[in-house]
Amino acid sequence: MKYILGIFYVNRLDLLYQAVYSIRHCWPHTVVIDNSEGRDLRRDHTLSSTVSVYEPPVPLSHSQSQNMLQKWGAERHCDAVLYMHNDAEAHEGTPEALLAALAAWQREGRRWGIAFTNLDTLAAYHMEAVRAAGPWDMYLPMYFSDQDWYRRVGLAGYETMYTGLGVTHHNDGASTVKSDPLLTHIHQVTFPLYFRYYEMKWGGVLGQETYLLPFGHYPLNPVQDYLGMFAERTEPQ
């Protein structure tokens, strides 16, 4: 099973350390994306000596980070990419059990797309499903981006697996927002906007979607689609 595991960091270094030290088995395959404003991890030599740390040119949104992780997975010819919340802590044996399950599904030829533990506090995404579903929607930088992508995986015909493996989600989740008053305020402003966007994209709120195609039609951008066809036809021989 060839894989890469990504953690996206913004704040709460204490929780990041708990997350990292709960997945020792995965350290050679783990990369932390430093999306902090102050480039906190640049000075943390202990962490960088344990796992890989990537500092993007500018802090990335959650969706951009997921797309970066999936790009790396494709470049490295991975079978799956794993994602872990910065405020999650895997129980003893959970990483090993999750990887064993993924390997078994691969051998069986099972059409799995997403594997949850405690939902997506630690999750795996099958690269075959990644290619079918496409990238995460960057118009949804954080909230509802996961439900949007998971819906597209399901519509592409891939199964979501619920492993029930143990992972603790500290502070009932959303520690990044809860730990920063500015992010808390921004969340109160933007959350209704993302809610409305998701509703318009899928023809209903979560659990009441009516569209099988985003916005109810395809292609999403006819002009872009036409230009792409034109470029193919005029490519020098």
Protein backbone atom coordinates (compact mmCIF):
# COMPACT_ATOMS: atom_id res chain seq x y z
CA MET A 1 0.00 0.00 0.00
CA LYS A 2 1.68 3.17 -1.22
CA TYR A 3 0.35 6.30 0.47
CA ILE A 4 1.03 9.79 1.77
CA LEU A 5 -0.59 11.23 4.92
CA GLY A 6 -1.25 14.96 5.20
CA ILE A 7 -1.99 17.20 8.18
CA PHE A 8 -2.86 20.88 7.64
CA TYR A 9 -1.61 23.22 10.38
CA VAL A 10 -2.83 26.74 11.17
CA ASN A 11 -2.56 27.01 14.96
CA ARG A 12 -2.47 24.96 18.19
CA LEU A 13 1.00 23.46 17.99
CA ASP A 14 0.23 21.44 21.13
CA LEU A 15 -2.56 19.59 19.34
CA LEU A 16 -0.42 19.08 16.25
CA TYR A 17 2.18 17.30 18.36
CA GLN A 18 -0.48 15.00 19.82
CA ALA A 19 -1.71 14.19 16.33
CA VAL A 20 1.77 13.47 14.98
CA TYR A 21 2.87 11.34 17.92
CA SER A 22 -0.26 9.20 17.63
CA ILE A 23 0.71 8.07 14.10
CA ARG A 24 4.33 7.01 14.59
CA HIS A 25 3.82 4.12 12.20
CA CYS A 26 3.14 6.64 9.41
CA TRP A 27 5.98 9.12 10.01
CA PRO A 28 7.99 8.21 6.88
CA HIS A 29 4.89 8.99 4.78
CA THR A 30 3.62 12.07 6.67
CA VAL A 31 3.76 15.69 5.54
CA VAL A 32 2.50 18.68 7.53
CA ILE A 33 1.47 21.71 5.45
CA ASP A 34 2.26 24.87 7.41
CA ASN A 35 -0.64 27.24 6.72
CA SER A 36 0.07 29.42 9.74
CA GLU A 37 0.34 33.16 9.19
CA GLY A 38 3.58 33.35 11.16
CA ARG A 39 5.23 30.31 9.59
CA ASP A 40 5.32 28.70 13.03
CA LEU A 41 6.86 25.41 11.92
CA ARG A 42 9.88 27.04 10.29
CA ARG A 43 11.52 27.22 13.73
CA ASP A 44 10.31 23.81 14.96
CA HIS A 45 13.27 21.56 14.27
CA THR A 46 11.89 18.74 16.41
CA LEU A 47 8.85 18.36 14.18
CA SER A 48 10.79 18.68 10.92
CA SER A 49 13.20 15.98 12.07
CA THR A 50 10.24 13.63 12.62
CA VAL A 51 8.00 14.21 9.59
CA SER A 52 8.17 16.28 6.41
CA VAL A 53 7.05 19.90 6.71
CA TYR A 54 5.95 21.84 3.63
CA GLU A 55 5.74 25.62 3.66
CA PRO A 56 3.64 26.88 0.73
CA PRO A 57 4.37 30.30 -0.79
CA VAL A 58 1.23 31.61 0.94
CA PRO A 59 -1.05 29.88 3.48
CA LEU A 60 -3.46 27.58 1.66
CA SER A 61 -7.16 27.10 2.32
CA HIS A 62 -8.39 23.67 3.36
CA SER A 63 -9.51 22.84 -0.20
CA GLN A 64 -6.21 24.02 -1.67
CA SER A 65 -4.36 21.87 0.85
CA GLN A 66 -6.44 18.83 -0.08
CA ASN A 67 -5.72 19.43 -3.76
CA MET A 68 -2.01 19.76 -3.00
CA LEU A 69 -2.09 16.47 -1.10
CA GLN A 70 -3.87 14.73 -3.95
CA LYS A 71 -1.40 16.17 -6.46
CA TRP A 72 1.46 14.69 -4.44
CA GLY A 73 -0.38 11.38 -4.29
CA ALA A 74 -0.67 11.32 -8.07
CA GLU A 75 2.96 12.31 -8.60
CA ARG A 76 4.15 9.55 -6.28
CA HIS A 77 1.81 6.96 -7.84
CA CYS A 78 0.13 6.35 -4.48
CA ASP A 79 -2.75 3.95 -4.00
CA ALA A 80 -4.32 6.32 -1.48
CA VAL A 81 -3.84 9.61 0.31
CA LEU A 82 -4.61 9.86 4.00
CA TYR A 83 -5.78 13.00 5.76
CA MET A 84 -5.72 13.76 9.49
CA HIS A 85 -7.16 16.70 11.38
CA ASN A 86 -4.66 18.83 13.24
CA ASP A 87 -6.71 18.34 16.45
CA ALA A 88 -7.16 14.57 16.11
CA GLU A 89 -5.38 11.84 18.05
CA ALA A 90 -5.37 8.27 16.78
CA HIS A 91 -5.87 5.50 19.32
CA GLU A 92 -3.23 2.84 19.71
CA GLY A 93 -3.21 0.55 16.68
CA THR A 94 -5.63 2.62 14.58
CA PRO A 95 -3.18 3.68 11.84
CA GLU A 96 -1.95 0.13 11.38
CA ALA A 97 -5.51 -1.26 11.29
CA LEU A 98 -6.61 1.36 8.77
CA LEU A 99 -3.70 0.60 6.44
CA ALA A 100 -4.36 -3.14 6.75
CA ALA A 101 -7.99 -2.57 5.74
CA LEU A 102 -6.97 -0.49 2.73
CA ALA A 103 -4.52 -3.16 1.61
CA ALA A 104 -7.19 -5.85 1.93
CA TRP A 105 -9.66 -3.84 -0.17
CA GLN A 106 -6.99 -3.33 -2.79
CA ARG A 107 -6.34 -7.08 -3.01
CA GLU A 108 -10.07 -7.75 -3.25
CA GLY A 109 -10.50 -5.17 -6.01
CA ARG A 110 -13.14 -3.41 -3.96
CA ARG A 111 -14.47 -0.14 -5.38
CA TRP A 112 -13.90 1.93 -2.27
CA GLY A 113 -13.53 5.70 -2.39
CA ILE A 114 -13.37 7.00 1.17
CA ALA A 115 -12.48 5.25 4.43
CA PHE A 116 -13.53 6.93 7.68
CA THR A 117 -12.43 6.27 11.25
CA ASN A 118 -14.17 8.76 13.56
CA LEU A 119 -15.63 10.26 10.39
CA ASP A 120 -12.77 12.08 8.63
CA THR A 121 -10.67 12.92 11.70
CA LEU A 122 -8.37 10.33 10.11
CA ALA A 123 -9.49 9.28 6.66
CA ALA A 124 -8.18 7.67 3.49
CA TYR A 125 -9.07 8.58 -0.08
CA HIS A 126 -8.57 6.05 -2.87
CA MET A 127 -6.57 7.67 -5.69
CA GLU A 128 -8.79 5.97 -8.25
CA ALA A 129 -11.77 7.82 -6.73
CA VAL A 130 -9.74 11.03 -6.56
CA ARG A 131 -9.22 10.90 -10.31
CA ALA A 132 -12.91 10.21 -10.90
CA ALA A 133 -14.28 12.91 -8.56
CA GLY A 134 -11.81 15.63 -9.50
CA PRO A 135 -10.30 18.30 -7.26
CA TRP A 136 -11.87 19.89 -4.21
CA ASP A 137 -14.01 22.94 -4.96
CA MET A 138 -11.90 26.02 -4.16
CA TYR A 139 -15.03 28.19 -4.03
CA LEU A 140 -15.65 26.27 -0.80
CA PRO A 141 -12.37 26.97 1.02
CA MET A 142 -13.32 25.17 4.22
CA TYR A 143 -16.84 24.39 5.46
CA PHE A 144 -18.98 22.21 3.16
CA SER A 145 -15.95 21.48 0.98
CA ASP A 146 -15.72 17.98 2.45
CA GLN A 147 -19.41 17.18 1.98
CA ASP A 148 -19.19 18.48 -1.57
CA TRP A 149 -16.23 16.26 -2.45
CA TYR A 150 -17.61 13.22 -0.65
CA ARG A 151 -20.87 13.60 -2.59
CA ARG A 152 -18.97 13.65 -5.88
CA VAL A 153 -17.07 10.50 -4.89
CA GLY A 154 -20.38 8.75 -4.22
CA LEU A 155 -21.90 9.97 -7.49
CA ALA A 156 -18.85 8.58 -9.29
CA GLY A 157 -19.80 5.14 -7.97
CA TYR A 158 -17.31 4.73 -5.12
CA GLU A 159 -18.18 3.38 -1.69
CA THR A 160 -17.65 5.14 1.64
CA MET A 161 -16.30 2.72 4.24
CA TYR A 162 -16.95 3.20 7.97
CA THR A 163 -14.18 1.39 9.82
CA GLY A 164 -15.18 2.45 13.35
CA LEU A 165 -11.50 2.72 14.30
CA GLY A 166 -10.74 4.89 17.31
CA VAL A 167 -9.66 8.51 16.90
CA THR A 168 -10.22 11.27 19.46
CA HIS A 169 -11.32 14.66 18.14
CA HIS A 170 -10.21 17.20 20.72
CA ASN A 171 -12.49 20.13 21.70
CA ASP A 172 -15.31 18.53 19.69
CA GLY A 173 -13.48 19.63 16.56
CA ALA A 174 -12.94 22.99 14.85
CA SER A 175 -10.05 23.77 17.18
CA THR A 176 -8.41 25.99 14.56
CA VAL A 177 -11.39 28.37 14.47
CA LYS A 178 -12.17 28.11 18.18
CA SER A 179 -8.59 29.06 19.08
CA ASP A 180 -8.55 32.33 17.13
CA PRO A 181 -11.11 35.11 17.79
CA LEU A 182 -10.60 36.53 14.29
CA LEU A 183 -11.27 33.18 12.64
CA THR A 184 -14.31 32.73 14.87
CA HIS A 185 -15.69 36.06 13.70
CA ILE A 186 -14.93 35.35 10.04
CA HIS A 187 -16.61 31.94 10.36
CA GLN A 188 -19.81 33.59 11.61
CA VAL A 189 -19.83 35.77 8.49
CA THR A 190 -18.83 33.23 5.85
CA PHE A 191 -20.56 30.06 7.07
CA PRO A 192 -24.02 31.15 5.77
CA LEU A 193 -22.46 32.04 2.42
CA TYR A 194 -20.90 28.59 2.00
CA PHE A 195 -24.16 26.99 3.16
CA ARG A 196 -26.04 28.86 0.44
CA TYR A 197 -23.44 28.04 -2.21
CA TYR A 198 -23.69 24.31 -1.42
CA GLU A 199 -27.48 24.49 -1.58
CA MET A 200 -27.39 26.20 -5.00
CA LYS A 201 -24.74 23.82 -6.32
CA TRP A 202 -26.62 20.65 -5.42
CA GLY A 203 -30.25 21.81 -5.48
CA GLY A 204 -30.79 21.39 -1.75
CA VAL A 205 -29.21 21.50 1.68
CA LEU A 206 -27.22 18.60 3.11
CA GLY A 207 -29.27 15.44 2.94
CA GLN A 208 -31.84 17.02 0.63
CA GLU A 209 -29.80 17.41 -2.56
CA THR A 210 -31.68 17.02 -5.84
CA TYR A 211 -28.97 17.47 -8.51
CA LEU A 212 -26.81 14.64 -9.78
CA LEU A 213 -24.60 17.17 -11.59
CA PRO A 214 -23.22 20.35 -10.00
CA PHE A 215 -25.65 23.22 -10.55
CA GLY A 216 -27.88 20.77 -12.39
CA HIS A 217 -26.06 20.88 -15.73
CA TYR A 218 -22.82 20.14 -17.59
CA PRO A 219 -20.42 21.50 -18.69
CA LEU A 220 -20.09 24.06 -15.91
CA ASN A 221 -18.19 26.48 -18.12
CA PRO A 222 -19.09 26.09 -21.83
CA VAL A 223 -16.63 28.81 -22.87
CA GLN A 224 -13.74 27.11 -21.10
CA ASP A 225 -14.80 23.75 -22.54
CA TYR A 226 -14.88 25.21 -26.06
CA LEU A 227 -11.45 26.82 -25.68
CA GLY A 228 -10.04 23.51 -24.47
CA MET A 229 -11.36 21.74 -27.56
CA PHE A 230 -9.98 24.52 -29.78
CA ALA A 231 -6.54 24.22 -28.18
CA GLU A 232 -6.51 20.47 -28.83
CA ARG A 233 -7.45 20.91 -32.47
CA THR A 234 -4.82 23.61 -33.13
CA GLU A 235 -1.93 21.90 -31.32
CA PRO A 236 1.16 21.88 -33.59
CA GLN A 237 1.83 18.53 -35.23
